[in-house]
Amino acid sequence: MRLQMKVHNHPGYLFVFCGLDGSGKSTQIALLEQFFSRINMPAYITKQPTDTVRNSAIFRTYMNSSDHSMYDYRALSLLCASDRIQHTNRDIVPKISQGRVVISDRYFYSCLANLRARGYVKDRWICEVSSFIPKPDAAFFMDVEVDTAISRVRSRDTEENRFIDIELQYRLREQYLDIAHENGGIIIDGSQSVEEIFQKVCSFVMQKLCKTADGR
């Protein structure tokens, strides 16, 4: 399913990272932030969904419990989608319109990945909703084996006992790869060294920075 995001013509840049928890997104975002700082282009770092949704009862139920009987997943998906529209158009767009660089931990692609991974493969409303937000200049999809991602999450002091739906992680990984192929995403092998991964990320970023606004 191809999302119908609009191409933005703002002077700034939007780079996003998607993938499983534990795929290495945070590490690469931190390195990219340092890179932009070194070239005197301080980046704005953000995350989707925002804390407003992350702290909600419905989100916490799906993240922390195997019992989802209280909620319809479409309700959570719509909540996350609306949060992304609000956050993107009231926070991200004003910044790239001012010529700033924005780096987002997750983006609208995650809505689609989670929706499809949970079996809602025929839902078309998500494509219409995606038409209200800008297409990133580059969308990086960090890919690692599910076991590796889970091991990394478990190694975090605050998440060693966190509930993880392991079967869902396998479906999510498959969906992220499909979405990347369908929407021009950049798949990055997260099993490589941190340095090797960043060299690839930085190479794609530099290609974007070297293009003129008309050449996007």
Protein backbone atom coordinates (compact mmCIF):
# COMPACT_ATOMS: atom_id res chain seq x y z
CA MET A 1 0.00 0.00 0.00
CA ARG A 2 1.51 3.30 -1.11
CA LEU A 3 0.89 6.28 1.16
CA GLN A 4 -0.21 9.47 -0.57
CA MET A 5 2.04 11.96 1.21
CA LYS A 6 2.53 15.35 -0.36
CA VAL A 7 5.95 16.44 -1.60
CA HIS A 8 7.08 19.45 0.40
CA ASN A 9 8.87 22.44 -1.13
CA HIS A 10 10.11 23.95 2.10
CA PRO A 11 13.76 25.04 2.40
CA GLY A 12 14.39 22.77 5.37
CA TYR A 13 14.78 19.00 5.52
CA LEU A 14 12.87 16.18 7.17
CA PHE A 15 14.62 12.89 7.92
CA VAL A 16 12.77 10.06 9.67
CA PHE A 17 13.74 6.71 11.17
CA CYS A 18 11.42 3.72 11.45
CA GLY A 19 11.79 0.10 12.51
CA LEU A 20 11.33 -2.25 15.42
CA ASP A 21 12.11 -1.19 18.96
CA GLY A 22 15.75 -2.16 19.37
CA SER A 23 16.64 -1.74 15.69
CA GLY A 24 19.11 1.08 16.36
CA LYS A 25 17.04 4.16 15.54
CA SER A 26 17.99 6.17 18.64
CA THR A 27 21.72 5.59 18.14
CA GLN A 28 21.66 6.75 14.54
CA ILE A 29 19.47 9.75 15.34
CA ALA A 30 21.96 10.84 18.01
CA LEU A 31 24.87 10.50 15.59
CA LEU A 32 23.01 12.41 12.87
CA GLU A 33 22.21 15.16 15.35
CA GLN A 34 25.94 15.43 16.16
CA PHE A 35 26.76 15.53 12.44
CA PHE A 36 24.43 18.46 11.81
CA SER A 37 25.79 20.26 14.86
CA ARG A 38 29.33 19.96 13.46
CA ILE A 39 28.30 21.56 10.16
CA ASN A 40 26.45 24.39 11.94
CA MET A 41 22.98 23.15 11.07
CA PRO A 42 21.48 22.31 14.48
CA ALA A 43 18.75 19.72 14.03
CA TYR A 44 15.42 19.55 15.82
CA ILE A 45 14.84 16.06 17.22
CA THR A 46 11.31 14.80 17.76
CA LYS A 47 9.33 11.59 18.21
CA GLN A 48 6.02 10.18 17.03
CA PRO A 49 3.55 9.50 18.47
CA THR A 50 3.91 12.32 20.98
CA ASP A 51 3.77 11.89 24.75
CA THR A 52 0.10 12.87 24.68
CA VAL A 53 -0.67 9.55 23.01
CA ARG A 54 2.13 7.54 24.61
CA ASN A 55 0.77 8.32 28.07
CA SER A 56 -2.83 7.50 27.19
CA ALA A 57 -4.56 4.45 28.66
CA ILE A 58 -5.24 2.87 25.28
CA PHE A 59 -1.60 3.18 24.13
CA ARG A 60 -0.20 1.87 27.41
CA THR A 61 -2.59 -1.09 27.29
CA TYR A 62 -1.37 -2.13 23.85
CA MET A 63 2.27 -1.63 24.85
CA ASN A 64 2.24 -3.20 28.29
CA SER A 65 -0.41 -5.91 28.27
CA SER A 66 -1.47 -8.96 26.30
CA ASP A 67 -5.14 -8.25 27.09
CA HIS A 68 -6.51 -5.81 24.51
CA SER A 69 -10.17 -6.68 24.97
CA MET A 70 -11.05 -3.21 26.25
CA TYR A 71 -10.09 -1.40 23.06
CA ASP A 72 -10.51 -1.63 19.30
CA TYR A 73 -7.10 -1.34 17.63
CA ARG A 74 -8.53 0.91 14.93
CA ALA A 75 -9.32 3.42 17.68
CA LEU A 76 -5.66 3.48 18.72
CA SER A 77 -4.53 3.68 15.10
CA LEU A 78 -6.82 6.65 14.45
CA LEU A 79 -5.59 8.31 17.64
CA CYS A 80 -1.97 7.90 16.56
CA ALA A 81 -2.76 9.10 13.03
CA SER A 82 -4.48 12.24 14.29
CA ASP A 83 -1.60 12.88 16.67
CA ARG A 84 0.84 12.62 13.78
CA ILE A 85 -1.16 15.08 11.67
CA GLN A 86 -1.30 17.58 14.53
CA HIS A 87 2.37 17.17 15.43
CA THR A 88 3.60 17.23 11.84
CA ASN A 89 1.63 20.27 10.70
CA ARG A 90 1.92 22.31 13.90
CA ASP A 91 5.46 21.40 14.93
CA ILE A 92 7.51 19.89 12.09
CA VAL A 93 6.23 21.87 9.09
CA PRO A 94 6.78 25.30 10.69
CA LYS A 95 10.39 24.33 11.34
CA ILE A 96 11.21 23.02 7.87
CA SER A 97 9.44 26.05 6.40
CA GLN A 98 12.02 28.15 8.31
CA GLY A 99 14.85 26.16 6.73
CA ARG A 100 15.59 23.93 9.71
CA VAL A 101 16.52 20.26 9.73
CA VAL A 102 14.08 17.98 11.55
CA ILE A 103 14.84 14.38 12.53
CA SER A 104 11.90 12.26 13.70
CA ASP A 105 11.97 8.99 15.60
CA ARG A 106 9.16 7.19 13.72
CA TYR A 107 6.72 8.75 11.30
CA PHE A 108 3.39 7.95 9.62
CA TYR A 109 4.84 4.74 8.16
CA SER A 110 4.62 3.23 11.64
CA CYS A 111 0.83 3.71 11.64
CA LEU A 112 0.55 1.66 8.48
CA ALA A 113 3.01 -1.01 9.65
CA ASN A 114 1.17 -1.58 12.91
CA LEU A 115 -2.24 -1.54 11.27
CA ARG A 116 -1.25 -4.15 8.69
CA ALA A 117 0.72 -6.27 11.15
CA ARG A 118 -2.41 -6.58 13.27
CA GLY A 119 -4.46 -7.82 10.33
CA TYR A 120 -6.12 -4.65 9.04
CA VAL A 121 -4.70 -5.06 5.55
CA LYS A 122 -7.78 -3.76 3.70
CA ASP A 123 -8.12 -0.47 5.56
CA ARG A 124 -7.74 2.31 2.98
CA TRP A 125 -8.50 5.30 5.20
CA ILE A 126 -4.87 5.51 6.25
CA CYS A 127 -3.81 6.48 2.71
CA GLU A 128 -6.26 9.37 2.66
CA VAL A 129 -5.07 10.57 6.07
CA SER A 130 -1.43 10.42 4.95
CA SER A 131 -2.17 12.97 2.20
CA PHE A 132 -2.29 15.69 4.86
CA ILE A 133 1.37 15.35 5.85
CA PRO A 134 4.64 15.95 3.95
CA LYS A 135 6.77 13.17 2.54
CA PRO A 136 10.18 13.08 4.25
CA ASP A 137 13.32 13.92 2.32
CA ALA A 138 14.59 10.51 3.41
CA ALA A 139 12.92 7.72 5.39
CA PHE A 140 15.36 5.26 6.93
CA PHE A 141 14.02 1.82 7.84
CA MET A 142 16.35 0.14 10.32
CA ASP A 143 16.20 -3.62 9.88
CA VAL A 144 17.48 -6.27 12.30
CA GLU A 145 16.50 -9.82 13.21
CA VAL A 146 13.62 -9.92 15.68
CA ASP A 147 15.69 -11.80 18.27
CA THR A 148 18.37 -9.10 18.09
CA ALA A 149 15.85 -6.30 18.53
CA ILE A 150 14.21 -7.99 21.52
CA SER A 151 17.58 -8.67 23.14
CA ARG A 152 18.50 -5.00 22.84
CA VAL A 153 15.21 -3.91 24.39
CA ARG A 154 15.63 -6.39 27.23
CA SER A 155 19.12 -5.03 27.94
CA ARG A 156 17.64 -1.64 28.92
CA ASP A 157 17.28 -1.33 32.68
CA THR A 158 13.77 0.12 32.46
CA GLU A 159 12.48 -2.42 29.94
CA GLU A 160 13.92 -5.78 30.95
CA ASN A 161 10.47 -6.97 32.06
CA ARG A 162 8.39 -5.16 29.46
CA PHE A 163 5.65 -7.13 27.71
CA ILE A 164 6.61 -7.84 24.08
CA ASP A 165 4.30 -9.55 21.60
CA ILE A 166 6.99 -11.58 19.84
CA GLU A 167 4.79 -12.86 17.00
CA LEU A 168 3.74 -9.29 16.30
CA GLN A 169 7.39 -8.24 16.00
CA TYR A 170 7.91 -10.70 13.16
CA ARG A 171 4.88 -9.35 11.32
CA LEU A 172 5.98 -5.77 11.97
CA ARG A 173 9.43 -6.41 10.54
CA GLU A 174 7.88 -7.84 7.38
CA GLN A 175 5.53 -4.89 7.07
CA TYR A 176 8.28 -2.32 7.57
CA LEU A 177 10.28 -3.91 4.74
CA ASP A 178 7.24 -4.00 2.45
CA ILE A 179 6.36 -0.38 3.25
CA ALA A 180 9.92 0.74 2.58
CA HIS A 181 9.84 -0.91 -0.85
CA GLU A 182 6.41 0.51 -1.66
CA ASN A 183 7.16 4.06 -0.53
CA GLY A 184 10.76 4.72 -1.52
CA GLY A 185 12.19 4.09 1.93
CA ILE A 186 15.87 3.39 2.54
CA ILE A 187 16.44 0.00 4.18
CA ILE A 188 19.48 -0.05 6.45
CA ASP A 189 20.98 -3.32 7.70
CA GLY A 190 21.03 -2.74 11.45
CA SER A 191 23.26 -5.76 12.11
CA GLN A 192 26.34 -3.89 10.91
CA SER A 193 28.57 -1.85 13.20
CA VAL A 194 27.29 1.52 14.39
CA GLU A 195 29.98 3.23 12.33
CA GLU A 196 29.15 1.34 9.13
CA ILE A 197 25.48 2.11 9.52
CA PHE A 198 26.08 5.79 10.09
CA GLN A 199 28.32 6.03 7.03
CA LYS A 200 25.40 4.81 4.92
CA VAL A 201 22.90 7.10 6.62
CA CYS A 202 25.22 10.07 6.26
CA SER A 203 25.81 9.28 2.58
CA PHE A 204 22.09 9.50 1.81
CA VAL A 205 21.73 12.65 3.91
CA MET A 206 24.59 14.36 2.09
CA GLN A 207 23.01 13.52 -1.26
CA LYS A 208 19.87 15.36 -0.15
CA LEU A 209 21.76 18.33 1.20
CA CYS A 210 23.72 18.70 -2.04
CA LYS A 211 20.55 18.98 -4.13
CA THR A 212 18.94 22.32 -4.78
CA ALA A 213 15.36 22.89 -3.67
CA ASP A 214 14.21 22.58 -7.28
CA GLY A 215 15.98 19.25 -7.62
CA ARG A 216 14.19 17.49 -4.80
